[in-house]
Amino acid sequence: MPKKFLAALAMSLALAPAALADPFAVKVDQTVTLKLSAPANSVVIGNATVADVSVHDAKTLLITGKAYGSTNLTVLDRAGNTIYTNQLIVGGEDSTGLTIVRGGGTYSYSCVDKCRATPMVGDVPAHFSDVMGTVTGKAATAKGSD
């Protein structure tokens, strides 16, 4: 009985740091680097609508916040062992962002040098569509004709 108890205690202590780890935070439309302690073989993100992950090299992941919310990230090595697992929290804009709530809807602005509308998940659909139309129109103009 004591051997089983000690084995269970050792296992729970080994897993405790992962369970107590702070969630990995990233902002919407921002990318952060995650350095791994060992080479990754498989990378799985729980909800790809909340965040995306790109593999830069075997020990470096690039995590991009796509929408507000939380999900999880799990990284396995070649033998199938978990080398990293954590909650991902995707939050709001930085101090240059402005959100106006009007009539129950939100309107997002980026205020780097002056405030300009910016498309943000959760904005009033018409506002989002108008801003996206401007953004894609500008991109198409910059690309030029074929």
C-alpha atoms as a PDB file:
ATOM      1  CA  MET A   1       0.000   0.000   0.000  1.00  0.00           C
ATOM      2  CA  PRO A   2       2.726   2.572   0.835  1.00  0.00           C
ATOM      3  CA  LYS A   3       4.442   1.952  -2.544  1.00  0.00           C
ATOM      4  CA  LYS A   4       1.212   2.723  -4.444  1.00  0.00           C
ATOM      5  CA  PHE A   5       0.666   5.836  -2.343  1.00  0.00           C
ATOM      6  CA  LEU A   6       4.222   7.068  -2.964  1.00  0.00           C
ATOM      7  CA  ALA A   7       3.884   6.375  -6.687  1.00  0.00           C
ATOM      8  CA  ALA A   8       0.601   8.298  -6.817  1.00  0.00           C
ATOM      9  CA  LEU A   9       2.117  11.165  -4.822  1.00  0.00           C
ATOM     10  CA  ALA A  10       5.145  11.318  -7.125  1.00  0.00           C
ATOM     11  CA  MET A  11       2.887  11.352 -10.196  1.00  0.00           C
ATOM     12  CA  SER A  12       0.682  14.128  -8.820  1.00  0.00           C
ATOM     13  CA  LEU A  13       3.734  16.222  -7.899  1.00  0.00           C
ATOM     14  CA  ALA A  14       5.143  15.737 -11.384  1.00  0.00           C
ATOM     15  CA  LEU A  15       1.887  16.927 -12.945  1.00  0.00           C
ATOM     16  CA  ALA A  16       1.314  19.796 -10.489  1.00  0.00           C
ATOM     17  CA  PRO A  17       3.395  22.443 -12.316  1.00  0.00           C
ATOM     18  CA  ALA A  18       1.381  21.973 -15.518  1.00  0.00           C
ATOM     19  CA  ALA A  19      -1.894  22.134 -13.635  1.00  0.00           C
ATOM     20  CA  LEU A  20      -0.856  25.284 -11.779  1.00  0.00           C
ATOM     21  CA  ALA A  21       0.616  27.066 -14.797  1.00  0.00           C
ATOM     22  CA  ASP A  22      -0.818  30.454 -15.662  1.00  0.00           C
ATOM     23  CA  PRO A  23      -2.818  30.484 -18.889  1.00  0.00           C
ATOM     24  CA  PHE A  24      -0.875  31.545 -21.972  1.00  0.00           C
ATOM     25  CA  ALA A  25      -2.276  34.929 -23.014  1.00  0.00           C
ATOM     26  CA  VAL A  26      -2.350  36.480 -26.473  1.00  0.00           C
ATOM     27  CA  LYS A  27      -4.324  39.400 -27.896  1.00  0.00           C
ATOM     28  CA  VAL A  28      -6.649  39.292 -30.884  1.00  0.00           C
ATOM     29  CA  ASP A  29      -4.692  39.904 -34.119  1.00  0.00           C
ATOM     30  CA  GLN A  30      -1.329  39.563 -32.350  1.00  0.00           C
ATOM     31  CA  THR A  31       1.275  36.796 -32.562  1.00  0.00           C
ATOM     32  CA  VAL A  32       3.507  35.643 -29.704  1.00  0.00           C
ATOM     33  CA  THR A  33       6.373  33.174 -29.624  1.00  0.00           C
ATOM     34  CA  LEU A  34       6.348  30.041 -27.477  1.00  0.00           C
ATOM     35  CA  LYS A  35       9.691  28.294 -26.954  1.00  0.00           C
ATOM     36  CA  LEU A  36       9.485  24.590 -26.151  1.00  0.00           C
ATOM     37  CA  SER A  37      11.860  22.590 -23.961  1.00  0.00           C
ATOM     38  CA  ALA A  38      11.958  19.672 -26.429  1.00  0.00           C
ATOM     39  CA  PRO A  39      11.282  19.199 -30.163  1.00  0.00           C
ATOM     40  CA  ALA A  40       7.607  18.994 -31.116  1.00  0.00           C
ATOM     41  CA  ASN A  41       6.136  16.332 -33.362  1.00  0.00           C
ATOM     42  CA  SER A  42       2.395  17.137 -33.068  1.00  0.00           C
ATOM     43  CA  VAL A  43       0.714  20.421 -32.211  1.00  0.00           C
ATOM     44  CA  VAL A  44      -3.012  20.524 -31.481  1.00  0.00           C
ATOM     45  CA  ILE A  45      -5.144  23.564 -30.732  1.00  0.00           C
ATOM     46  CA  GLY A  46      -8.554  22.960 -29.195  1.00  0.00           C
ATOM     47  CA  ASN A  47     -10.539  25.622 -31.048  1.00  0.00           C
ATOM     48  CA  ALA A  48      -9.007  26.993 -34.245  1.00  0.00           C
ATOM     49  CA  THR A  49     -11.524  29.836 -34.372  1.00  0.00           C
ATOM     50  CA  VAL A  50     -10.039  31.331 -31.178  1.00  0.00           C
ATOM     51  CA  ALA A  51      -6.313  30.940 -31.923  1.00  0.00           C
ATOM     52  CA  ASP A  52      -3.962  29.607 -34.556  1.00  0.00           C
ATOM     53  CA  VAL A  53      -0.530  28.062 -34.189  1.00  0.00           C
ATOM     54  CA  SER A  54       2.314  27.888 -36.702  1.00  0.00           C
ATOM     55  CA  VAL A  55       5.454  25.817 -36.276  1.00  0.00           C
ATOM     56  CA  HIS A  56       8.529  27.961 -36.896  1.00  0.00           C
ATOM     57  CA  ASP A  57      10.945  25.161 -36.049  1.00  0.00           C
ATOM     58  CA  ALA A  58      10.890  22.036 -33.840  1.00  0.00           C
ATOM     59  CA  LYS A  59      11.186  24.100 -30.635  1.00  0.00           C
ATOM     60  CA  THR A  60       9.438  27.360 -31.611  1.00  0.00           C
ATOM     61  CA  LEU A  61       5.700  27.917 -32.041  1.00  0.00           C
ATOM     62  CA  LEU A  62       3.982  31.118 -33.176  1.00  0.00           C
ATOM     63  CA  ILE A  63       0.540  31.586 -31.620  1.00  0.00           C
ATOM     64  CA  THR A  64      -1.904  34.097 -33.104  1.00  0.00           C
ATOM     65  CA  GLY A  65      -5.070  35.282 -31.374  1.00  0.00           C
ATOM     66  CA  LYS A  66      -8.010  35.174 -33.790  1.00  0.00           C
ATOM     67  CA  ALA A  67     -11.098  35.811 -31.648  1.00  0.00           C
ATOM     68  CA  TYR A  68     -11.976  36.487 -28.015  1.00  0.00           C
ATOM     69  CA  GLY A  69     -12.188  33.409 -25.850  1.00  0.00           C
ATOM     70  CA  SER A  70     -10.189  30.544 -24.490  1.00  0.00           C
ATOM     71  CA  THR A  71      -9.006  27.214 -25.796  1.00  0.00           C
ATOM     72  CA  ASN A  72      -6.135  24.864 -25.095  1.00  0.00           C
ATOM     73  CA  LEU A  73      -2.845  23.937 -26.737  1.00  0.00           C
ATOM     74  CA  THR A  74      -1.180  20.533 -26.520  1.00  0.00           C
ATOM     75  CA  VAL A  75       2.225  19.648 -27.952  1.00  0.00           C
ATOM     76  CA  LEU A  76       3.481  16.071 -28.231  1.00  0.00           C
ATOM     77  CA  ASP A  77       6.958  14.730 -28.920  1.00  0.00           C
ATOM     78  CA  ARG A  78       7.781  11.947 -31.413  1.00  0.00           C
ATOM     79  CA  ALA A  79       7.004   9.268 -28.793  1.00  0.00           C
ATOM     80  CA  GLY A  80       3.558  10.761 -28.127  1.00  0.00           C
ATOM     81  CA  ASN A  81       4.488  12.237 -24.748  1.00  0.00           C
ATOM     82  CA  THR A  82       3.034  15.613 -23.806  1.00  0.00           C
ATOM     83  CA  ILE A  83       5.826  18.188 -23.723  1.00  0.00           C
ATOM     84  CA  TYR A  84       3.549  21.218 -23.324  1.00  0.00           C
ATOM     85  CA  THR A  85      -0.110  21.722 -22.497  1.00  0.00           C
ATOM     86  CA  ASN A  86      -1.853  24.864 -21.335  1.00  0.00           C
ATOM     87  CA  GLN A  87      -4.946  27.016 -21.619  1.00  0.00           C
ATOM     88  CA  LEU A  88      -4.801  29.826 -24.176  1.00  0.00           C
ATOM     89  CA  ILE A  89      -6.630  33.024 -23.318  1.00  0.00           C
ATOM     90  CA  VAL A  90      -7.294  35.422 -26.199  1.00  0.00           C
ATOM     91  CA  GLY A  91      -8.167  38.915 -25.038  1.00  0.00           C
ATOM     92  CA  GLY A  92      -8.733  42.436 -26.241  1.00  0.00           C
ATOM     93  CA  GLU A  93      -6.760  45.154 -27.870  1.00  0.00           C
ATOM     94  CA  ASP A  94      -3.908  47.072 -26.304  1.00  0.00           C
ATOM     95  CA  SER A  95      -3.937  50.662 -25.027  1.00  0.00           C
ATOM     96  CA  THR A  96      -4.178  52.056 -28.581  1.00  0.00           C
ATOM     97  CA  GLY A  97      -7.587  50.437 -29.078  1.00  0.00           C
ATOM     98  CA  LEU A  98     -10.960  52.031 -28.476  1.00  0.00           C
ATOM     99  CA  THR A  99     -14.284  50.211 -28.259  1.00  0.00           C
ATOM    100  CA  ILE A 100     -17.528  52.167 -28.364  1.00  0.00           C
ATOM    101  CA  VAL A 101     -20.687  50.456 -27.156  1.00  0.00           C
ATOM    102  CA  ARG A 102     -23.775  52.055 -28.653  1.00  0.00           C
ATOM    103  CA  GLY A 103     -27.280  50.653 -28.678  1.00  0.00           C
ATOM    104  CA  GLY A 104     -26.063  47.265 -27.467  1.00  0.00           C
ATOM    105  CA  GLY A 105     -23.517  46.937 -30.306  1.00  0.00           C
ATOM    106  CA  THR A 106     -19.764  47.457 -30.354  1.00  0.00           C
ATOM    107  CA  TYR A 107     -17.652  49.504 -32.754  1.00  0.00           C
ATOM    108  CA  SER A 108     -13.859  49.091 -32.683  1.00  0.00           C
ATOM    109  CA  TYR A 109     -11.220  51.682 -33.495  1.00  0.00           C
ATOM    110  CA  SER A 110      -7.436  51.708 -33.601  1.00  0.00           C
ATOM    111  CA  CYS A 111      -6.011  54.957 -32.221  1.00  0.00           C
ATOM    112  CA  VAL A 112      -2.289  54.802 -33.055  1.00  0.00           C
ATOM    113  CA  ASP A 113      -1.959  58.384 -34.307  1.00  0.00           C
ATOM    114  CA  LYS A 114      -5.673  59.147 -34.664  1.00  0.00           C
ATOM    115  CA  CYS A 115      -8.701  56.918 -34.292  1.00  0.00           C
ATOM    116  CA  ARG A 116      -9.747  54.889 -37.338  1.00  0.00           C
ATOM    117  CA  ALA A 117     -12.304  52.108 -37.602  1.00  0.00           C
ATOM    118  CA  THR A 118     -10.827  48.622 -37.456  1.00  0.00           C
ATOM    119  CA  PRO A 119     -12.585  45.275 -37.989  1.00  0.00           C
ATOM    120  CA  MET A 120     -12.890  43.310 -34.757  1.00  0.00           C
ATOM    121  CA  VAL A 121     -14.749  40.089 -34.050  1.00  0.00           C
ATOM    122  CA  GLY A 122     -17.915  40.954 -32.144  1.00  0.00           C
ATOM    123  CA  ASP A 123     -18.532  44.354 -33.753  1.00  0.00           C
ATOM    124  CA  VAL A 124     -21.922  45.277 -35.176  1.00  0.00           C
ATOM    125  CA  PRO A 125     -22.122  43.254 -38.431  1.00  0.00           C
ATOM    126  CA  ALA A 126     -22.760  46.280 -40.680  1.00  0.00           C
ATOM    127  CA  HIS A 127     -19.815  48.180 -39.145  1.00  0.00           C
ATOM    128  CA  PHE A 128     -17.572  45.128 -39.512  1.00  0.00           C
ATOM    129  CA  SER A 129     -18.606  44.642 -43.160  1.00  0.00           C
ATOM    130  CA  ASP A 130     -18.087  48.314 -44.008  1.00  0.00           C
ATOM    131  CA  VAL A 131     -14.616  48.360 -42.493  1.00  0.00           C
ATOM    132  CA  MET A 132     -13.653  45.032 -44.121  1.00  0.00           C
ATOM    133  CA  GLY A 133     -14.845  46.390 -47.483  1.00  0.00           C
ATOM    134  CA  THR A 134     -12.478  49.327 -47.080  1.00  0.00           C
ATOM    135  CA  VAL A 135      -9.581  47.091 -46.015  1.00  0.00           C
ATOM    136  CA  THR A 136     -10.013  44.589 -48.861  1.00  0.00           C
ATOM    137  CA  GLY A 137     -10.587  47.388 -51.378  1.00  0.00           C
ATOM    138  CA  LYS A 138      -7.334  49.030 -50.332  1.00  0.00           C
ATOM    139  CA  ALA A 139      -5.493  45.706 -50.579  1.00  0.00           C
ATOM    140  CA  ALA A 140      -6.919  45.075 -54.057  1.00  0.00           C
ATOM    141  CA  THR A 141      -5.894  48.559 -55.206  1.00  0.00           C
ATOM    142  CA  ALA A 142      -2.376  48.079 -53.843  1.00  0.00           C
ATOM    143  CA  LYS A 143      -2.096  44.735 -55.659  1.00  0.00           C
ATOM    144  CA  GLY A 144      -2.968  46.350 -58.991  1.00  0.00           C
ATOM    145  CA  SER A 145      -4.455  44.675 -62.028  1.00  0.00           C
ATOM    146  CA  ASP A 146      -3.110  41.477 -63.546  1.00  0.00           C
END
